[in-house]
Protein backbone atom coordinates (compact mmCIF):
# COMPACT_ATOMS: atom_id res chain seq x y z
CA MET A 1 -105.01 94.08 80.74
CA PRO A 2 -106.19 92.42 83.59
CA ARG A 3 -105.82 93.83 86.78
CA GLY A 4 -105.47 90.48 88.31
CA TRP A 5 -102.84 89.23 85.90
CA MET A 6 -100.84 92.61 86.81
CA ASP A 7 -101.35 92.34 90.09
CA GLU A 8 -99.68 88.71 89.97
CA ARG A 9 -96.85 89.93 87.57
CA PHE A 10 -95.71 92.57 90.12
CA SER A 11 -95.95 90.39 93.46
CA LEU A 12 -94.27 87.40 91.21
CA ILE A 13 -90.92 90.11 90.82
CA PHE A 14 -91.51 91.20 94.74
CA THR A 15 -90.97 87.77 95.32
CA LEU A 16 -87.83 86.90 93.09
CA ALA A 17 -86.62 90.16 93.94
CA SER A 18 -86.86 89.41 97.83
CA PHE A 19 -86.13 86.06 97.61
CA MET A 20 -82.83 86.98 95.72
CA ASN A 21 -82.04 89.56 98.06
CA ASN A 22 -81.86 86.80 100.98
CA PHE A 23 -80.86 83.83 99.45
CA MET A 24 -77.97 85.35 97.82
CA THR A 25 -76.65 86.63 100.94
CA PHE A 26 -74.97 83.71 102.12
CA PRO A 27 -72.91 83.24 98.32
CA ALA A 28 -72.51 87.19 99.44
CA GLY A 29 -71.01 86.71 103.03
CA TYR A 30 -68.52 83.46 101.62
CA ILE A 31 -67.41 86.43 99.25
CA PHE A 32 -66.50 88.26 101.88
CA ASP A 33 -65.05 86.29 104.37
CA ARG A 34 -63.25 84.42 101.50
CA PHE A 35 -62.04 87.27 99.60
CA LYS A 36 -62.04 90.48 101.62
CA THR A 37 -64.20 93.80 100.85
CA THR A 38 -62.43 95.01 97.90
CA VAL A 39 -63.38 92.17 95.62
CA ALA A 40 -66.69 91.83 97.53
CA ARG A 41 -67.71 95.91 96.37
CA LEU A 42 -66.62 95.29 93.16
CA ILE A 43 -68.80 92.66 92.68
CA ALA A 44 -71.81 94.77 94.61
CA ILE A 45 -70.66 97.87 92.37
CA PHE A 46 -71.29 95.39 88.90
CA LEU A 47 -74.32 94.05 89.84
CA TYR A 48 -75.72 97.39 91.07
CA THR A 49 -75.08 99.51 88.01
CA SER A 50 -76.01 97.15 85.42
CA ALA A 51 -79.20 96.93 87.01
CA THR A 52 -80.14 100.60 87.33
CA LEU A 53 -78.90 100.75 83.47
CA THR A 54 -81.28 98.13 82.36
CA ILE A 55 -84.17 100.12 84.34
CA ALA A 56 -83.39 102.82 82.54
CA PHE A 57 -83.16 101.31 79.24
CA ILE A 58 -86.10 99.36 79.85
CA SER A 59 -89.00 99.44 77.70
CA ALA A 60 -92.93 98.43 76.89
CA ASP A 61 -91.45 95.55 74.85
CA SER A 62 -88.20 94.07 76.71
CA ALA A 63 -90.25 95.16 80.29
CA VAL A 64 -89.85 91.02 81.44
CA LEU A 65 -86.30 92.22 81.61
CA LEU A 66 -87.26 93.32 85.53
CA PHE A 67 -87.43 89.75 86.29
CA LEU A 68 -83.14 90.21 85.91
CA ALA A 69 -83.30 93.90 87.15
CA MET A 70 -84.46 93.49 90.09
CA PRO A 71 -82.55 90.76 91.60
CA MET A 72 -79.48 92.15 89.99
CA LEU A 73 -80.27 95.42 92.37
CA THR A 74 -80.94 93.65 95.63
CA VAL A 75 -77.73 91.11 95.30
CA GLY A 76 -75.72 94.28 94.94
CA GLY A 77 -77.07 95.98 97.58
CA ILE A 78 -76.78 93.07 99.93
CA LEU A 79 -72.83 92.80 99.17
CA PHE A 80 -72.74 96.62 99.72
CA LEU A 81 -74.36 96.63 103.48
CA ILE A 82 -72.34 93.38 104.44
CA THR A 83 -68.98 95.11 103.52
CA ASN A 84 -70.40 98.22 105.31
CA LEU A 85 -71.72 96.14 108.58
CA GLN A 86 -67.78 95.78 109.76
CA ILE A 87 -67.55 99.58 109.90
CA GLY A 88 -68.81 99.02 113.50
CA ASN A 89 -65.92 97.46 114.35
CA LEU A 90 -64.52 100.93 114.30
CA PHE A 91 -66.07 101.94 117.17
CA GLY A 92 -66.25 100.04 120.16
CA LYS A 93 -68.81 99.85 122.69
CA HIS A 94 -71.32 102.05 119.99
CA ARG A 95 -70.62 98.65 117.96
CA SER A 96 -74.08 97.86 117.78
CA THR A 97 -75.66 101.43 117.34
CA ILE A 98 -73.41 101.70 113.81
CA ILE A 99 -74.55 98.47 112.63
CA THR A 100 -78.41 98.78 112.91
CA MET A 101 -77.78 102.68 111.85
CA TYR A 102 -76.11 100.74 108.29
CA ASN A 103 -79.33 98.14 108.85
CA GLY A 104 -81.55 101.55 108.88
CA ALA A 105 -80.33 103.04 106.18
CA PHE A 106 -80.56 99.65 104.27
CA ASP A 107 -84.24 99.59 104.59
CA SER A 108 -84.24 103.53 104.48
CA SER A 109 -83.24 103.01 100.48
CA SER A 110 -86.29 102.31 99.38
CA ALA A 111 -87.14 106.38 99.60
CA VAL A 112 -85.31 106.49 96.64
CA PHE A 113 -88.31 105.31 94.37
CA LEU A 114 -90.44 108.22 96.16
CA ILE A 115 -88.11 110.65 94.74
CA ILE A 116 -87.63 109.53 91.33
CA LYS A 117 -91.89 109.19 91.13
CA LEU A 118 -92.03 112.66 92.72
CA LEU A 119 -89.10 113.82 90.02
CA TYR A 120 -91.20 111.93 87.43
CA GLU A 121 -94.30 113.62 88.06
CA GLN A 122 -92.62 117.21 87.27
CA GLY A 123 -91.06 116.21 84.35
CA ILE A 124 -87.65 114.58 84.62
CA SER A 125 -87.96 110.88 83.13
CA LEU A 126 -87.34 107.99 84.47
CA ARG A 127 -84.60 106.80 82.13
CA ALA A 128 -82.96 110.71 83.36
CA SER A 129 -83.11 109.30 87.01
CA PHE A 130 -82.01 105.67 86.68
CA ILE A 131 -78.72 107.40 84.41
CA PHE A 132 -77.97 109.40 86.93
CA ILE A 133 -78.29 107.01 89.48
CA SER A 134 -76.21 104.44 87.60
CA VAL A 135 -73.28 107.45 87.37
CA CYS A 136 -73.34 107.99 90.98
CA SER A 137 -71.67 104.61 91.05
CA ALA A 138 -68.57 106.42 90.62
CA TRP A 139 -68.39 107.37 94.51
CA HIS A 140 -68.84 103.52 95.41
CA VAL A 141 -65.84 103.20 93.13
CA GLY A 142 -63.72 105.63 95.33
CA ARG A 143 -64.88 104.78 98.51
CA THR A 144 -63.94 101.00 97.71
CA PHE A 145 -60.07 102.15 97.01
CA LEU A 146 -59.81 105.17 98.90
CA LEU A 147 -62.02 105.13 101.92
CA MET A 148 -62.06 100.89 102.80
CA PRO A 149 -59.75 98.29 104.01
CA ARG A 150 -58.37 95.98 101.29
CA GLY A 151 -59.57 92.90 103.45
CA HIS A 152 -61.15 92.97 107.05
CA ILE A 153 -62.01 95.72 109.75
CA PRO A 154 -60.93 93.21 112.81
CA TYR A 155 -62.80 93.22 116.21
CA PRO A 156 -61.41 93.98 118.66
CA LEU A 157 -59.40 96.90 117.01
CA PRO A 158 -55.49 96.04 117.18
CA PRO A 159 -53.56 98.63 118.70
CA ASN A 160 -52.74 102.26 116.15
CA TYR A 161 -54.69 100.47 113.32
CA SER A 162 -55.61 102.15 109.80
CA TYR A 163 -56.92 101.35 106.41
CA GLY A 164 -57.85 103.06 103.30
CA LEU A 165 -56.32 105.70 101.58
CA CYS A 166 -54.24 106.54 105.22
CA SER A 167 -53.20 103.40 105.59
CA GLY A 168 -49.34 101.79 104.63
CA ASP A 169 -49.96 98.62 105.09
CA GLY A 170 -50.43 96.27 102.50
CA PRO A 171 -52.99 92.69 102.64
CA ARG A 172 -50.77 90.63 104.73
CA GLU A 173 -50.06 93.40 107.26
CA GLU A 174 -53.80 93.70 107.57
CA GLU A 175 -54.24 89.65 107.61
CA LYS A 176 -51.35 89.82 110.44
CA LYS A 177 -53.63 91.87 112.42
CA THR A 178 -56.77 90.20 111.56
CA ALA A 179 -55.18 87.51 112.93
CA GLU A 180 -54.19 88.82 116.13
CA SER A 181 -57.60 90.30 116.89
CA GLN A 182 -59.27 86.72 116.87
CA LYS A 183 -57.34 85.73 119.13
CA LEU A 184 -57.93 88.11 121.31
CA GLU A 185 -61.81 87.79 120.92
CA LEU A 186 -61.44 84.46 121.06
CA SER A 187 -59.80 84.59 124.46
CA GLU A 188 -62.58 87.64 126.00
CA LYS A 189 -65.23 85.77 124.26
CA PHE A 190 -65.00 82.26 125.54
CA LEU A 191 -63.12 82.75 128.64
CA SER A 192 -64.68 83.88 131.77
CA PRO A 193 -63.11 86.76 134.02
CA LYS A 194 -61.99 83.72 136.33
CA GLU A 195 -60.59 81.20 133.70
CA GLU A 196 -56.94 81.62 133.07
CA ILE A 197 -55.78 82.03 129.57
CA PRO A 198 -55.22 78.49 128.23
CA ARG A 199 -52.20 77.40 126.25
CA PRO A 200 -52.47 77.56 122.08
CA GLY A 201 -53.02 73.97 121.90
CA GLN A 202 -56.03 74.55 123.97
CA GLN A 203 -57.66 77.92 122.76
CA GLN A 204 -57.30 76.02 119.39
CA GLN A 205 -60.05 73.18 120.73
CA GLU A 206 -62.48 76.16 122.21
CA ALA A 207 -62.77 77.51 118.62
CA ARG A 208 -65.38 75.74 116.81
CA SER A 209 -65.96 75.07 113.12
CA LEU A 210 -68.89 76.91 111.47
CA TRP A 211 -71.23 73.39 111.25
CA SER A 212 -71.31 73.13 115.43
CA TYR A 213 -72.61 76.87 114.96
CA VAL A 214 -74.99 76.70 112.30
CA PHE A 215 -76.24 73.37 113.95
CA SER A 216 -76.97 74.73 117.39
CA ARG A 217 -80.11 75.94 119.07
CA ARG A 218 -79.44 79.46 119.33
CA PHE A 219 -78.99 79.85 115.33
CA ALA A 220 -82.03 77.55 114.86
CA TRP A 221 -84.40 79.58 117.02
CA HIS A 222 -82.87 82.77 115.65
CA LEU A 223 -83.93 81.15 112.25
CA VAL A 224 -87.34 80.57 112.68
CA TRP A 225 -87.96 84.27 114.73
CA LEU A 226 -86.53 85.73 112.03
CA SER A 227 -88.26 84.02 109.37
CA VAL A 228 -91.87 84.11 110.80
CA ILE A 229 -91.60 88.09 111.32
CA GLN A 230 -90.18 88.50 107.50
CA LEU A 231 -92.90 86.81 106.08
CA TRP A 232 -95.62 88.97 107.40
CA HIS A 233 -93.36 92.08 106.08
CA TYR A 234 -93.25 90.59 102.74
CA LEU A 235 -96.68 89.36 102.45
CA PHE A 236 -97.88 93.18 103.94
CA ILE A 237 -95.76 95.18 101.26
CA GLY A 238 -96.59 92.52 98.61
CA THR A 239 -99.99 93.07 99.17
CA LEU A 240 -100.04 96.67 99.58
CA ASN A 241 -101.71 98.14 96.61
CA SER A 242 -104.56 95.68 96.88
CA LEU A 243 -105.40 96.69 100.81
CA LEU A 244 -105.10 100.33 99.88
CA SER A 245 -107.16 99.91 96.68
CA ASN A 246 -109.79 97.99 99.38
CA LEU A 247 -110.01 100.14 101.72
CA ALA A 248 -110.27 103.62 99.70
CA SER A 249 -112.90 101.97 97.10
CA GLY A 250 -110.80 102.41 94.69
CA ASP A 251 -110.10 106.01 94.47
CA ARG A 252 -106.36 106.42 92.49
CA VAL A 253 -105.84 109.56 94.08
CA LEU A 254 -106.03 108.44 97.70
CA VAL A 255 -104.04 105.17 96.79
CA SER A 256 -101.57 107.34 95.57
CA THR A 257 -101.85 109.39 98.39
CA TYR A 258 -101.32 106.41 100.97
CA THR A 259 -98.53 104.80 98.43
CA ASN A 260 -96.45 108.06 99.30
CA ALA A 261 -97.25 107.96 102.63
CA PHE A 262 -95.81 104.84 102.95
CA ALA A 263 -93.05 105.48 101.20
CA ILE A 264 -92.07 108.66 103.06
CA THR A 265 -92.29 106.59 106.03
CA GLN A 266 -89.65 104.44 104.78
CA PHE A 267 -86.61 106.80 104.86
CA PHE A 268 -87.26 107.14 108.46
CA GLY A 269 -85.85 103.41 109.38
CA VAL A 270 -81.90 105.25 109.18
CA LEU A 271 -83.72 107.22 112.35
CA CYS A 272 -85.58 104.36 114.10
CA ALA A 273 -82.78 101.16 113.61
CA PRO A 274 -79.95 103.05 115.88
CA TRP A 275 -81.83 102.86 118.94
CA ASN A 276 -82.41 99.31 118.94
CA GLY A 277 -78.08 99.24 118.57
CA LEU A 278 -78.51 102.05 121.63
CA LEU A 279 -80.34 99.37 123.68
CA MET A 280 -78.15 96.86 123.23
CA ASP A 281 -74.80 98.65 124.26
CA ARG A 282 -75.90 100.31 127.25
CA LEU A 283 -77.16 96.84 128.59
CA LYS A 284 -74.00 95.10 127.37
CA CYS A 285 -71.87 97.54 129.04
CA LYS A 286 -74.35 97.08 132.18
CA TYR A 287 -74.38 93.41 132.38
CA GLN A 288 -70.33 92.45 130.98
CA GLU A 289 -69.39 95.48 134.27
CA GLU A 290 -71.89 93.18 136.48
CA ALA A 291 -69.78 89.64 135.17
CA ARG A 292 -66.71 91.69 135.91
CA ARG A 293 -67.94 92.23 139.43
CA THR A 294 -69.59 88.12 139.88
CA GLY A 295 -66.95 86.70 138.20
CA SER A 296 -69.74 85.20 135.83
CA SER A 297 -69.15 84.62 131.55
CA ALA A 298 -68.30 88.02 129.34
CA SER A 299 -70.36 86.23 126.38
CA ALA A 300 -73.29 84.84 128.65
CA ALA A 301 -73.44 88.66 129.80
CA ALA A 302 -73.49 90.01 126.13
CA LEU A 303 -76.25 87.81 125.13
CA ARG A 304 -78.85 88.89 128.10
CA SER A 305 -78.16 92.81 126.02
CA THR A 306 -80.01 90.93 122.78
CA VAL A 307 -83.18 89.36 124.95
CA PRO A 308 -85.10 92.81 125.47
CA SER A 309 -84.15 94.04 121.78
CA LEU A 310 -85.67 90.89 120.47
CA VAL A 311 -88.89 90.88 122.75
CA LEU A 312 -89.36 94.57 121.54
CA THR A 313 -88.95 93.89 118.11
CA SER A 314 -91.63 90.76 118.96
CA VAL A 315 -93.96 92.95 120.23
CA LEU A 316 -93.57 96.23 117.91
CA CYS A 317 -94.49 93.16 115.17
CA LEU A 318 -97.64 92.30 116.70
CA GLY A 319 -99.04 95.67 117.22
CA PHE A 320 -98.03 96.23 113.30
CA ALA A 321 -100.00 93.26 112.21
CA LEU A 322 -102.69 94.57 114.54
CA CYS A 323 -103.11 97.81 112.91
CA ALA A 324 -102.71 96.10 110.17
CA SER A 325 -105.59 93.85 110.39
CA ILE A 326 -108.41 96.81 111.19
CA PRO A 327 -110.11 97.58 107.67
CA VAL A 328 -109.69 101.38 108.48
CA LEU A 329 -107.87 103.88 106.02
CA PRO A 330 -106.63 106.39 108.27
CA LEU A 331 -105.43 104.10 110.79
CA GLN A 332 -103.17 102.46 108.44
CA TYR A 333 -100.85 105.71 109.00
CA ALA A 334 -99.70 103.92 112.11
CA THR A 335 -99.82 100.80 110.43
CA PHE A 336 -96.70 102.39 108.32
CA THR A 337 -95.14 103.94 111.09
CA LEU A 338 -95.09 100.73 112.62
CA GLN A 339 -93.84 98.89 110.00
CA VAL A 340 -91.02 100.98 109.26
CA ILE A 341 -89.87 100.64 112.90
CA ASN A 342 -90.09 96.88 113.51
CA ARG A 343 -88.10 96.50 109.90
CA SER A 344 -85.61 98.70 110.84
CA PHE A 345 -85.38 96.62 114.24
CA LEU A 346 -85.86 93.31 113.10
CA TYR A 347 -82.86 93.93 111.00
CA GLY A 348 -80.40 95.96 112.82
CA GLY A 349 -81.01 93.64 115.42
CA ASN A 350 -80.47 90.65 113.32
CA ALA A 351 -77.49 91.89 112.40
CA ALA A 352 -76.13 93.03 115.82
CA PHE A 353 -77.29 89.66 117.43
CA LEU A 354 -74.72 87.70 115.32
CA THR A 355 -71.63 90.01 115.56
CA LEU A 356 -72.76 88.84 119.74
CA ALA A 357 -73.64 85.70 119.52
CA PHE A 358 -71.34 84.19 117.40
CA PRO A 359 -67.17 84.66 116.37
CA SER A 360 -66.70 87.53 114.20
CA GLU A 361 -64.31 85.26 111.69
CA HIS A 362 -67.88 83.47 111.12
CA PHE A 363 -70.37 86.86 110.47
CA GLY A 364 -70.10 87.21 107.04
CA LYS A 365 -71.22 83.11 106.40
CA LEU A 366 -73.74 83.23 109.61
CA PHE A 367 -75.68 86.49 108.48
CA GLY A 368 -75.44 84.76 104.52
CA LEU A 369 -76.61 82.21 105.63
CA VAL A 370 -79.51 82.92 108.28
CA MET A 371 -80.77 85.63 105.71
CA ALA A 372 -80.78 82.51 102.93
CA LEU A 373 -82.66 80.42 104.73
CA SER A 374 -85.35 83.03 105.96
CA ALA A 375 -85.68 83.75 102.21
CA VAL A 376 -86.65 80.07 101.69
CA VAL A 377 -89.83 80.80 103.79
CA SER A 378 -90.22 84.10 102.22
CA LEU A 379 -90.86 82.09 98.91
CA LEU A 380 -94.53 81.31 100.70
CA GLN A 381 -95.70 84.77 100.02
CA PHE A 382 -96.40 84.33 96.36
CA PRO A 383 -98.41 80.87 96.94
CA ILE A 384 -100.60 82.83 99.65
CA PHE A 385 -100.64 85.89 97.11
CA THR A 386 -102.30 83.41 94.61
CA LEU A 387 -105.06 81.88 96.90
CA ILE A 388 -105.91 84.95 98.56
CA LYS A 389 -106.26 86.60 95.04
CA GLY A 390 -108.27 83.01 93.43
CA PRO A 391 -109.36 80.00 94.77
CA LEU A 392 -109.70 81.06 98.53
CA GLN A 393 -112.35 84.03 97.84
CA SER A 394 -112.68 85.15 101.25
CA ASP A 395 -112.74 81.87 102.61
CA PRO A 396 -110.68 81.86 106.30
CA PHE A 397 -107.26 81.25 105.93
CA TYR A 398 -106.44 79.89 109.59
CA ASP A 399 -103.74 79.59 111.42
CA PHE A 400 -101.86 82.05 108.98
CA ALA A 401 -99.27 84.01 111.58
CA PRO A 402 -98.55 81.88 114.72
CA TYR A 403 -97.10 84.90 116.54
CA LEU A 404 -100.99 86.13 116.73
CA ALA A 405 -102.84 85.70 119.38
CA GLN A 406 -106.39 84.24 117.92
CA ASN A 407 -109.58 86.24 118.58
CA GLY A 408 -113.16 85.25 118.25
CA GLY A 409 -114.79 88.50 117.41
CA SER A 410 -116.72 89.94 114.29
CA ARG A 411 -114.10 91.98 111.82
CA ASN A 412 -117.07 94.49 110.47
CA THR A 413 -120.77 93.76 109.33
CA GLU A 414 -119.91 92.49 106.40
CA CYS A 415 -117.90 89.70 107.73
CA LYS A 416 -119.64 86.77 109.20
CA ARG A 417 -118.19 85.17 113.01
CA GLU A 418 -115.36 82.75 113.29
CA THR A 419 -114.23 81.79 116.33
CA GLY A 420 -110.77 81.24 116.51
CA THR A 421 -110.00 83.08 113.35
CA SER A 422 -106.64 85.22 113.40
CA LEU A 423 -106.66 88.96 113.43
CA VAL A 424 -104.69 88.74 110.14
CA VAL A 425 -106.64 86.22 108.36
CA GLN A 426 -109.93 88.85 108.74
CA TRP A 427 -106.94 91.28 107.04
CA LEU A 428 -106.47 88.67 104.27
CA LYS A 429 -110.04 88.39 103.64
CA SER A 430 -110.08 91.85 102.94
CA THR A 431 -107.40 91.95 100.50
CA CYS A 432 -109.68 88.92 98.67
CA GLN A 433 -112.71 91.33 98.48
CA CYS A 434 -110.50 93.95 96.81
CA ARG A 435 -112.42 95.39 93.27
CA GLY A 436 -110.00 97.95 93.08
CA HIS A 437 -108.92 99.93 89.88
CA GLY A 438 -107.14 98.56 87.04
CA PHE A 439 -104.52 99.87 84.40
CA ASP A 440 -101.25 98.69 82.24
CA PRO A 441 -98.25 99.53 84.32
CA TRP A 442 -96.25 99.83 80.50
CA SER A 443 -98.34 102.55 79.60
CA GLY A 444 -97.94 106.33 79.58
CA LYS A 445 -99.13 105.84 83.48
CA ILE A 446 -95.61 105.60 84.64
CA PRO A 447 -96.50 107.24 88.08
CA HIS A 448 -98.89 104.09 88.91
CA ALA A 449 -96.69 101.16 87.92
CA VAL A 450 -93.42 103.28 90.64
CA GLU A 451 -96.40 102.68 93.14
CA GLN A 452 -96.56 99.20 92.52
CA LEU A 453 -92.54 98.81 92.18
CA SER A 454 -91.53 100.75 94.91
CA PRO A 455 -92.17 99.18 98.13
CA CYS A 456 -90.59 95.98 96.22
CA ALA A 457 -87.37 97.92 95.47
CA THR A 458 -86.52 98.36 99.47
CA THR A 459 -82.59 96.83 98.95
CA THR A 460 -81.00 99.87 96.99
CA GLU A 461 -77.77 100.83 98.29
CA PRO A 462 -77.73 103.40 100.86
CA ALA A 463 -75.42 106.27 99.94
CA LEU A 464 -72.93 106.32 103.18
């Protein structure tokens, strides 16, 4: 089977899964906001378990079902994530740290596919592994009914709040507590310390509609920032096998070693992400303390705490892109490290920013909408990949990554000098020249198929 055709199929599966992971976040957020935690998690369990069972019983003749199973896996995973993020509300001043920790666990879940690959090499079939994962869904069912609220976890927490098995409150009591906490949040978030608490009619005027936040400049610029960095990550992961094959001169053993290294680094996202939340929590406490002394707005102080995080995430992405642009195979270890740190900072910081910049009653919808709109931008990865493998044929592709500075140097002796060509363009050219090995992933060479799939399956539900 031609290598180019198979690369395109895997890239298409990855593009579809990553698109659904982001685009379906808005319906998932609406389901969470409208139908609350229990309903959202039951839908997630159904999608997640159906996907793992489909992959378990797939065969060469039914391989097309991957186009259905992988999107179901990602949508189920994102529903799990949204329902888990509210747990940060239980931790007060450490809220951002917990939110980023859950995002890091979500990213690190791709390491599950490395474990599956290693188990297969030890003689355990893929079917047995995925059946075991499906059975583990019983834990999610138990946690949904015993350890999670039926409604939402409010922020700020009302006095004597309880939930799950230890709570004797019904759904109406939970809704009443949530409404009280939202009133308290409005009074804290949109009023400065020097302002008096308005009368009930005035307070309702302060509460803005969802669309007023959606069409704000704050939301629009955050969307642009997220979309550009995310597109670079998706393009890197989608072409990772071609990059490694090119740098390793088609050595399968070497490519497998670096693929394993990449999968191992993904596990450490859960360790990297909380540092971003910790930074925001520390700065938020510092700036709010200053705001209380000076009488300035508490909401402005909360937003100030996100600025260093956003800047640091952008700098990490720049370093990651620079390392990936240098055609030195051992340097890719540094690329993998920067990639997982930047990815964990990106998604954790995105969720934490939305909780600080917008009201909590709109969090699910705004989180879903920003991910859905960024998914539209991420669709560019497949035409870019097709152009790289086809018509471009090593021709320069200018201005692909506007967040990288232009350079006028030569990449190596095999590349001509191209003034103004970005570093990412030069890396794309190296992938165009890839002449690695080919294989049939539906044959007995399953480990190589897993190597292709493992970067795509970054949305498996973390078992937390």
